[in-house]
Each structure stands twice: as structure tokens, then as C-alpha cells.
């Protein structure tokens, strides 16, 4: 978030949600239960760090080395990408 804030010149605040709050919000918006369970499980993996290993997959898929996120944020902001 700090990279995005610096690139855009805007303050950004992160508000964590519990898995239960996230799931309830999705259900309230009519998201199918199967998708709610799938995404809640994926986010749990992200939060726990279980999905934090580095692989060569980005380079394999894109055919180039991955970009640094700070560089991406600066470029996106300069091209008019917006934060909500």
C-alpha cells in the first residue's frame, strides 16, 4: 500500500475484514455460496502466508522477468490509474 500511496500522492487506508465479515458481505450481494467458499479459502491462504513462495511462473507466462511493484505503481499512476 505504501508504494501505491507514494505513486499516487494519496493517503491509503487498509481496513482488514474477518473471513466471516467478508463472506457475509459477498452473500448480501448475491454471490453464489460456492464462490464465497472458494474465495474465502484462497484469502485464508494468502493471510497465512501459505501462498507466499516465489516461483518462475510469471516469467514463464509473460516471457519476461516480473516487474518490481513500486515501478508498476509509479507507471500505472502516471498513466492515470486510480485508487478508489
N, C-alpha and C. Protein backbone atom coordinates (compact mmCIF):
# COMPACT_ATOMS: atom_id res chain seq x y z
N UNK A 1 0.80 -1.19 0.00
CA UNK A 1 0.00 0.00 0.00
C UNK A 1 0.85 1.26 0.00
N UNK A 2 1.96 1.22 0.70
CA UNK A 2 2.82 2.40 0.74
C UNK A 2 3.31 2.77 -0.65
N UNK A 3 3.61 1.77 -1.48
CA UNK A 3 4.06 2.05 -2.85
C UNK A 3 2.96 2.75 -3.64
N UNK A 4 1.75 2.31 -3.49
CA UNK A 4 0.63 2.93 -4.21
C UNK A 4 0.40 4.34 -3.69
N UNK A 5 0.45 4.53 -2.38
CA UNK A 5 0.26 5.85 -1.80
C UNK A 5 1.31 6.83 -2.31
N UNK A 6 2.57 6.41 -2.32
CA UNK A 6 3.64 7.29 -2.82
C UNK A 6 3.44 7.60 -4.30
N UNK A 7 3.09 6.60 -5.08
CA UNK A 7 2.94 6.80 -6.53
C UNK A 7 1.79 7.72 -6.86
N UNK A 8 0.71 7.64 -6.09
CA UNK A 8 -0.48 8.45 -6.39
C UNK A 8 -0.54 9.75 -5.62
N UNK A 9 0.29 9.85 -4.57
CA UNK A 9 0.23 11.05 -3.73
C UNK A 9 -1.02 11.10 -2.87
N UNK A 10 -1.63 9.96 -2.66
CA UNK A 10 -2.86 9.90 -1.87
C UNK A 10 -2.65 9.02 -0.65
N UNK A 11 -3.37 9.36 0.41
CA UNK A 11 -3.35 8.51 1.60
C UNK A 11 -4.22 7.28 1.32
N UNK A 12 -3.73 6.13 1.71
CA UNK A 12 -4.49 4.90 1.52
C UNK A 12 -4.59 4.21 2.86
N UNK A 13 -5.78 3.77 3.17
CA UNK A 13 -6.03 3.09 4.44
C UNK A 13 -6.52 1.68 4.16
N UNK A 14 -5.97 0.73 4.89
CA UNK A 14 -6.37 -0.66 4.78
C UNK A 14 -7.24 -1.00 5.99
N UNK A 15 -8.40 -1.56 5.72
CA UNK A 15 -9.29 -2.00 6.80
C UNK A 15 -9.44 -3.51 6.68
N UNK A 16 -8.81 -4.26 7.59
CA UNK A 16 -8.92 -5.72 7.49
C UNK A 16 -10.34 -6.20 7.78
N UNK A 17 -10.74 -7.26 7.11
CA UNK A 17 -12.03 -7.89 7.35
C UNK A 17 -11.79 -9.32 7.81
N UNK A 18 -12.61 -9.78 8.72
CA UNK A 18 -12.55 -11.19 9.08
C UNK A 18 -13.15 -11.99 7.92
N UNK A 19 -12.81 -13.26 7.87
CA UNK A 19 -13.37 -14.12 6.83
C UNK A 19 -14.89 -14.13 6.90
N UNK A 20 -15.41 -14.12 8.11
CA UNK A 20 -16.87 -14.14 8.30
C UNK A 20 -17.52 -12.87 7.77
N UNK A 21 -16.90 -11.72 8.04
CA UNK A 21 -17.45 -10.44 7.55
C UNK A 21 -17.40 -10.38 6.03
N UNK A 22 -16.27 -10.82 5.47
CA UNK A 22 -16.13 -10.85 4.02
C UNK A 22 -17.21 -11.74 3.40
N UNK A 23 -17.35 -12.94 3.93
CA UNK A 23 -18.34 -13.89 3.38
C UNK A 23 -19.75 -13.34 3.49
N UNK A 24 -20.07 -12.73 4.62
CA UNK A 24 -21.42 -12.16 4.80
C UNK A 24 -21.68 -11.06 3.78
N UNK A 25 -20.69 -10.23 3.52
CA UNK A 25 -20.84 -9.16 2.52
C UNK A 25 -21.05 -9.72 1.13
N UNK A 26 -20.31 -10.76 0.79
CA UNK A 26 -20.47 -11.38 -0.52
C UNK A 26 -21.87 -11.98 -0.67
N UNK A 27 -22.31 -12.68 0.38
CA UNK A 27 -23.66 -13.27 0.34
C UNK A 27 -24.72 -12.19 0.20
N UNK A 28 -24.55 -11.08 0.90
CA UNK A 28 -25.52 -9.98 0.83
C UNK A 28 -25.60 -9.38 -0.57
N UNK A 29 -24.54 -9.53 -1.35
CA UNK A 29 -24.53 -9.02 -2.73
C UNK A 29 -24.92 -10.10 -3.73
N UNK A 30 -25.37 -11.25 -3.23
CA UNK A 30 -25.86 -12.29 -4.11
C UNK A 30 -24.80 -13.19 -4.72
N UNK A 31 -23.61 -13.17 -4.18
CA UNK A 31 -22.54 -14.02 -4.71
C UNK A 31 -22.88 -15.48 -4.37
N UNK A 32 -22.77 -16.38 -5.32
CA UNK A 32 -23.09 -17.78 -5.06
C UNK A 32 -22.20 -18.36 -3.94
N UNK A 33 -22.79 -19.21 -3.13
CA UNK A 33 -22.09 -19.78 -1.97
C UNK A 33 -20.81 -20.50 -2.37
N UNK A 34 -20.81 -21.19 -3.49
CA UNK A 34 -19.62 -21.89 -3.93
C UNK A 34 -18.45 -20.91 -4.12
N UNK A 35 -18.73 -19.76 -4.70
CA UNK A 35 -17.70 -18.75 -4.93
C UNK A 35 -17.26 -18.12 -3.60
N UNK A 36 -18.21 -17.89 -2.70
CA UNK A 36 -17.88 -17.34 -1.38
C UNK A 36 -16.90 -18.28 -0.68
N UNK A 37 -17.19 -19.57 -0.68
CA UNK A 37 -16.29 -20.54 -0.03
C UNK A 37 -14.92 -20.58 -0.70
N UNK A 38 -14.91 -20.56 -2.03
CA UNK A 38 -13.66 -20.60 -2.77
C UNK A 38 -12.78 -19.39 -2.45
N UNK A 39 -13.34 -18.20 -2.55
CA UNK A 39 -12.53 -17.00 -2.32
C UNK A 39 -12.14 -16.84 -0.86
N UNK A 40 -13.03 -17.21 0.05
CA UNK A 40 -12.69 -17.14 1.47
C UNK A 40 -11.52 -18.07 1.78
N UNK A 41 -11.52 -19.25 1.19
CA UNK A 41 -10.41 -20.18 1.38
C UNK A 41 -9.12 -19.66 0.78
N UNK A 42 -9.18 -19.06 -0.39
CA UNK A 42 -7.98 -18.50 -1.03
C UNK A 42 -7.40 -17.37 -0.19
N UNK A 43 -8.27 -16.48 0.29
CA UNK A 43 -7.78 -15.36 1.10
C UNK A 43 -7.16 -15.86 2.40
N UNK A 44 -7.68 -16.95 2.94
CA UNK A 44 -7.09 -17.53 4.15
C UNK A 44 -5.67 -17.99 3.86
N UNK A 45 -5.46 -18.56 2.69
CA UNK A 45 -4.11 -18.98 2.29
C UNK A 45 -3.17 -17.80 2.14
N UNK A 46 -3.66 -16.71 1.60
CA UNK A 46 -2.84 -15.50 1.46
C UNK A 46 -2.49 -14.94 2.83
N UNK A 47 -3.50 -14.81 3.69
CA UNK A 47 -3.28 -14.25 5.04
C UNK A 47 -2.29 -15.07 5.85
N UNK A 48 -2.32 -16.38 5.70
CA UNK A 48 -1.45 -17.24 6.49
C UNK A 48 -0.02 -17.29 5.94
N UNK A 49 0.18 -16.80 4.73
CA UNK A 49 1.49 -16.86 4.11
C UNK A 49 1.73 -18.14 3.33
N UNK A 50 0.73 -19.01 3.28
CA UNK A 50 0.89 -20.29 2.60
C UNK A 50 1.12 -20.12 1.09
N UNK A 51 0.74 -18.98 0.54
CA UNK A 51 0.89 -18.76 -0.90
C UNK A 51 1.99 -17.77 -1.21
N UNK A 52 2.95 -17.63 -0.31
CA UNK A 52 3.96 -16.58 -0.47
C UNK A 52 5.25 -17.03 -1.13
N UNK A 53 5.32 -18.26 -1.59
CA UNK A 53 6.56 -18.72 -2.20
C UNK A 53 6.74 -18.10 -3.59
N UNK A 54 7.99 -17.88 -3.95
CA UNK A 54 8.30 -17.33 -5.26
C UNK A 54 8.52 -18.48 -6.25
N UNK A 55 8.04 -18.29 -7.44
CA UNK A 55 8.23 -19.28 -8.50
C UNK A 55 8.68 -18.55 -9.76
N UNK A 56 8.96 -19.27 -10.78
CA UNK A 56 9.30 -18.69 -12.07
C UNK A 56 8.10 -18.58 -12.99
N UNK A 57 6.90 -18.73 -12.44
CA UNK A 57 5.69 -18.78 -13.27
C UNK A 57 5.42 -17.48 -14.02
N UNK A 58 5.66 -16.33 -13.40
CA UNK A 58 5.39 -15.06 -14.09
C UNK A 58 6.24 -14.97 -15.35
N UNK A 59 7.51 -15.29 -15.23
CA UNK A 59 8.38 -15.23 -16.40
C UNK A 59 7.97 -16.25 -17.46
N UNK A 60 7.56 -17.43 -17.03
CA UNK A 60 7.11 -18.45 -17.98
C UNK A 60 5.88 -17.98 -18.75
N UNK A 61 4.93 -17.39 -18.05
CA UNK A 61 3.68 -16.96 -18.68
C UNK A 61 3.88 -15.72 -19.55
N UNK A 62 4.62 -14.73 -19.02
CA UNK A 62 4.77 -13.46 -19.73
C UNK A 62 5.93 -13.44 -20.71
N UNK A 63 6.86 -14.38 -20.53
CA UNK A 63 8.02 -14.39 -21.40
C UNK A 63 9.03 -13.31 -21.07
N UNK A 64 8.94 -12.75 -19.88
CA UNK A 64 9.88 -11.73 -19.41
C UNK A 64 9.94 -11.80 -17.89
N UNK A 65 10.98 -11.25 -17.29
CA UNK A 65 11.05 -11.26 -15.83
C UNK A 65 9.92 -10.41 -15.22
N UNK A 66 9.51 -10.72 -14.02
CA UNK A 66 8.48 -9.91 -13.38
C UNK A 66 8.98 -8.51 -13.09
N UNK A 67 8.04 -7.55 -13.00
CA UNK A 67 8.38 -6.16 -12.69
C UNK A 67 8.35 -5.94 -11.19
N UNK A 68 9.12 -4.99 -10.75
CA UNK A 68 9.07 -4.55 -9.37
C UNK A 68 7.74 -3.82 -9.15
N UNK A 69 7.07 -4.09 -8.03
CA UNK A 69 5.75 -3.50 -7.81
C UNK A 69 5.82 -1.98 -7.70
N UNK A 70 6.87 -1.45 -7.09
CA UNK A 70 6.99 0.01 -6.97
C UNK A 70 7.02 0.65 -8.35
N UNK A 71 7.77 0.05 -9.28
CA UNK A 71 7.82 0.56 -10.65
C UNK A 71 6.45 0.47 -11.31
N UNK A 72 5.79 -0.66 -11.11
CA UNK A 72 4.43 -0.81 -11.66
C UNK A 72 3.49 0.27 -11.13
N UNK A 73 3.51 0.51 -9.81
CA UNK A 73 2.61 1.50 -9.21
C UNK A 73 2.88 2.90 -9.77
N UNK A 74 4.16 3.26 -9.89
CA UNK A 74 4.50 4.57 -10.46
C UNK A 74 4.01 4.70 -11.90
N UNK A 75 4.25 3.68 -12.70
CA UNK A 75 3.83 3.71 -14.11
C UNK A 75 2.31 3.78 -14.22
N UNK A 76 1.62 2.96 -13.45
CA UNK A 76 0.15 2.96 -13.50
C UNK A 76 -0.42 4.31 -13.08
N UNK A 77 0.13 4.88 -12.02
CA UNK A 77 -0.34 6.20 -11.56
C UNK A 77 -0.09 7.27 -12.63
N UNK A 78 1.08 7.23 -13.25
CA UNK A 78 1.42 8.20 -14.29
C UNK A 78 0.50 8.06 -15.50
N UNK A 79 -0.02 6.86 -15.73
CA UNK A 79 -0.91 6.63 -16.87
C UNK A 79 -2.37 6.87 -16.51
N UNK A 80 -2.62 7.33 -15.28
CA UNK A 80 -3.98 7.69 -14.89
C UNK A 80 -4.76 6.64 -14.12
N UNK A 81 -4.13 5.54 -13.73
CA UNK A 81 -4.85 4.54 -12.92
C UNK A 81 -5.29 5.22 -11.63
N UNK A 82 -6.44 4.85 -11.16
CA UNK A 82 -7.00 5.49 -9.97
C UNK A 82 -7.17 4.49 -8.83
N UNK A 83 -7.10 5.02 -7.63
CA UNK A 83 -7.45 4.22 -6.45
C UNK A 83 -8.83 4.66 -6.03
N UNK A 84 -9.54 3.80 -5.43
CA UNK A 84 -10.91 4.12 -5.01
C UNK A 84 -10.91 4.47 -3.54
